[in-house]
């Protein structure tokens, strides 16, 4: 059950990042958003 919640959180974070990255009209900020999401979602 906890693993399922973690999976859903990862999907939500990924989708949220993609929505923000597409909405931003500044390539540098888009790159930083994506890099932050990858860092956050990477296994530790």
N, C-alpha and C. Protein backbone atom coordinates (compact mmCIF):
# COMPACT_ATOMS: atom_id res chain seq x y z
N UNK A 1 0.82 -1.19 0.00
CA UNK A 1 0.00 0.00 0.00
C UNK A 1 0.88 1.26 0.00
N UNK A 2 1.93 1.26 0.81
CA UNK A 2 2.82 2.41 0.86
C UNK A 2 3.57 2.57 -0.46
N UNK A 3 3.96 1.45 -1.07
CA UNK A 3 4.65 1.51 -2.37
C UNK A 3 3.73 2.08 -3.44
N UNK A 4 2.47 1.73 -3.39
CA UNK A 4 1.50 2.25 -4.36
C UNK A 4 1.34 3.77 -4.20
N UNK A 5 1.32 4.24 -2.98
CA UNK A 5 1.21 5.68 -2.74
C UNK A 5 2.46 6.40 -3.24
N UNK A 6 3.61 5.80 -3.05
CA UNK A 6 4.86 6.40 -3.53
C UNK A 6 4.86 6.46 -5.05
N UNK A 7 4.37 5.41 -5.70
CA UNK A 7 4.28 5.41 -7.16
C UNK A 7 3.36 6.51 -7.66
N UNK A 8 2.24 6.67 -7.00
CA UNK A 8 1.29 7.73 -7.39
C UNK A 8 1.90 9.11 -7.20
N UNK A 9 2.67 9.27 -6.13
CA UNK A 9 3.33 10.56 -5.87
C UNK A 9 4.36 10.85 -6.96
N UNK A 10 5.08 9.82 -7.40
CA UNK A 10 6.07 10.02 -8.48
C UNK A 10 5.38 10.42 -9.77
N UNK A 11 4.28 9.78 -10.08
CA UNK A 11 3.54 10.12 -11.30
C UNK A 11 3.00 11.55 -11.20
N UNK A 12 2.46 11.91 -10.06
CA UNK A 12 1.94 13.27 -9.87
C UNK A 12 3.04 14.30 -10.00
N UNK A 13 4.20 14.02 -9.45
CA UNK A 13 5.33 14.95 -9.54
C UNK A 13 5.79 15.09 -10.99
N UNK A 14 5.83 13.98 -11.70
CA UNK A 14 6.25 14.01 -13.10
C UNK A 14 5.27 14.80 -13.96
N UNK A 15 4.00 14.53 -13.80
CA UNK A 15 2.98 15.24 -14.57
C UNK A 15 2.98 16.73 -14.22
N UNK A 16 3.07 17.04 -12.96
CA UNK A 16 3.10 18.44 -12.54
C UNK A 16 4.29 19.18 -13.12
N UNK A 17 5.43 18.53 -13.12
CA UNK A 17 6.62 19.16 -13.70
C UNK A 17 6.45 19.39 -15.19
N UNK A 18 5.90 18.41 -15.88
CA UNK A 18 5.70 18.56 -17.32
C UNK A 18 4.72 19.70 -17.63
N UNK A 19 3.66 19.81 -16.85
CA UNK A 19 2.69 20.89 -17.06
C UNK A 19 3.36 22.25 -16.84
N UNK A 20 4.12 22.38 -15.75
CA UNK A 20 4.81 23.64 -15.49
C UNK A 20 5.85 23.95 -16.57
N UNK A 21 6.61 22.94 -16.97
CA UNK A 21 7.65 23.15 -17.97
C UNK A 21 7.06 23.60 -19.30
N UNK A 22 5.91 23.07 -19.65
CA UNK A 22 5.26 23.46 -20.90
C UNK A 22 4.65 24.86 -20.81
N UNK A 23 4.24 25.25 -19.61
CA UNK A 23 3.58 26.54 -19.44
C UNK A 23 4.57 27.70 -19.37
N UNK A 24 5.79 27.42 -18.99
CA UNK A 24 6.80 28.46 -18.84
C UNK A 24 7.36 28.82 -20.21
N UNK A 25 7.52 30.11 -20.42
CA UNK A 25 8.01 30.58 -21.72
C UNK A 25 9.47 31.03 -21.62
N UNK A 26 10.22 30.32 -20.78
CA UNK A 26 11.63 30.64 -20.59
C UNK A 26 12.41 29.32 -20.57
N UNK A 27 13.16 29.04 -21.63
CA UNK A 27 13.86 27.75 -21.74
C UNK A 27 14.76 27.41 -20.56
N UNK A 28 15.45 28.40 -20.01
CA UNK A 28 16.34 28.12 -18.88
C UNK A 28 15.55 27.65 -17.66
N UNK A 29 14.42 28.26 -17.40
CA UNK A 29 13.59 27.85 -16.27
C UNK A 29 13.00 26.47 -16.52
N UNK A 30 12.59 26.19 -17.74
CA UNK A 30 12.09 24.86 -18.09
C UNK A 30 13.15 23.81 -17.80
N UNK A 31 14.39 24.08 -18.22
CA UNK A 31 15.48 23.14 -17.97
C UNK A 31 15.72 22.93 -16.48
N UNK A 32 15.64 24.01 -15.72
CA UNK A 32 15.85 23.90 -14.27
C UNK A 32 14.73 23.13 -13.59
N UNK A 33 13.49 23.33 -14.04
CA UNK A 33 12.37 22.56 -13.49
C UNK A 33 12.55 21.07 -13.75
N UNK A 34 12.92 20.73 -14.98
CA UNK A 34 13.11 19.32 -15.33
C UNK A 34 14.27 18.71 -14.56
N UNK A 35 15.36 19.45 -14.43
CA UNK A 35 16.52 18.94 -13.69
C UNK A 35 16.16 18.72 -12.22
N UNK A 36 15.40 19.62 -11.64
CA UNK A 36 14.99 19.47 -10.24
C UNK A 36 14.09 18.25 -10.07
N UNK A 37 13.19 18.03 -11.01
CA UNK A 37 12.31 16.86 -10.92
C UNK A 37 13.09 15.58 -11.04
N UNK A 38 14.04 15.54 -11.96
CA UNK A 38 14.86 14.34 -12.12
C UNK A 38 15.65 14.08 -10.85
N UNK A 39 16.22 15.12 -10.27
CA UNK A 39 16.98 14.95 -9.02
C UNK A 39 16.07 14.45 -7.90
N UNK A 40 14.87 14.99 -7.80
CA UNK A 40 13.93 14.60 -6.77
C UNK A 40 13.45 13.16 -6.94
N UNK A 41 13.24 12.77 -8.19
CA UNK A 41 12.67 11.44 -8.45
C UNK A 41 13.73 10.34 -8.57
N UNK A 42 14.99 10.70 -8.63
CA UNK A 42 16.06 9.70 -8.75
C UNK A 42 16.18 8.91 -7.46
N UNK A 43 16.47 7.62 -7.59
CA UNK A 43 16.68 6.82 -6.37
C UNK A 43 17.89 7.34 -5.59
N UNK A 44 17.78 7.27 -4.33
CA UNK A 44 18.86 7.79 -3.47
C UNK A 44 19.86 6.73 -3.13
